[in-house]
């Protein structure tokens, strides 16, 4: 009886130790190599997908910013050209025979043209434009404007550079308006609204750029892009200008120039 009672607690104690040891080993068990590889592959897939999404979003954002920048630049150029042509002028002949071809001269070979004309400066003060002498002819001062389309200095870009040059009272100002020009043209035309001949200037401008320099290699400067515009930021602008000085004389034939209608050509 005594021996039986003594052996029972020993057996119970041994079983409890075995159970506790098994639970500790189960808790201390780590990951296998296969499990680590599966987790790593899942993380790689997630990271790759996230990277592609971020890259696509960044590219789309850059394209949007470039498209906006190109559009604003083209709008600024059109506004400047419009203002110059609207105030374009030429010396009035005393025989009252007005020729619209005398307002602007086009030189060079397309697409490297140069457009030259006289215009009243918008940045000058009134006393700088009109001297108001007490006697004689009151010549109005004018500025000589050149718009020059030429190749860019970069050999990797097939686009053109548009430069504006203004000479007023012996001082010449030169400014590069854009180096993204694919097409630029100022075309004098005659229309007949209401049965009357009227002369206008048609301005056509197309700027092109891309975040991928290789995309610009398929562009031929001087030829407008019509269909294939993928991966390109394209800004198309068109405007028509009614030259006021010319039509002030054109619509009043037979009226001789007076003392304040004559203009002074720069350098003369």
Foldseek 3Di string as FASTA:
>chain_A
DVVVVVVVVVVVVVVVVVVVVVVVVVVPDDDDPVVVVVVVVVVVVVVVVVVVVVVVVVQVVVLVVVLVVQQVLVVVVVVVVQQFQQQFDDFQDQQLDDDPCRRWDWDDDPPFIKIKGKGADPVDDPCLQWVDDPDFFTAGWIKIKMWTWAADPDPLAQFIWIKIWIAGQRDIDIDTSDRQWQAWDWDWDWDQVPRRTAIKIKIKTKGKDAPDSVVRVVGHRRDDDDPPQPRMNMHIDIDMHHHDLSVVSVVPGPDGDDRHNGHDDPPD
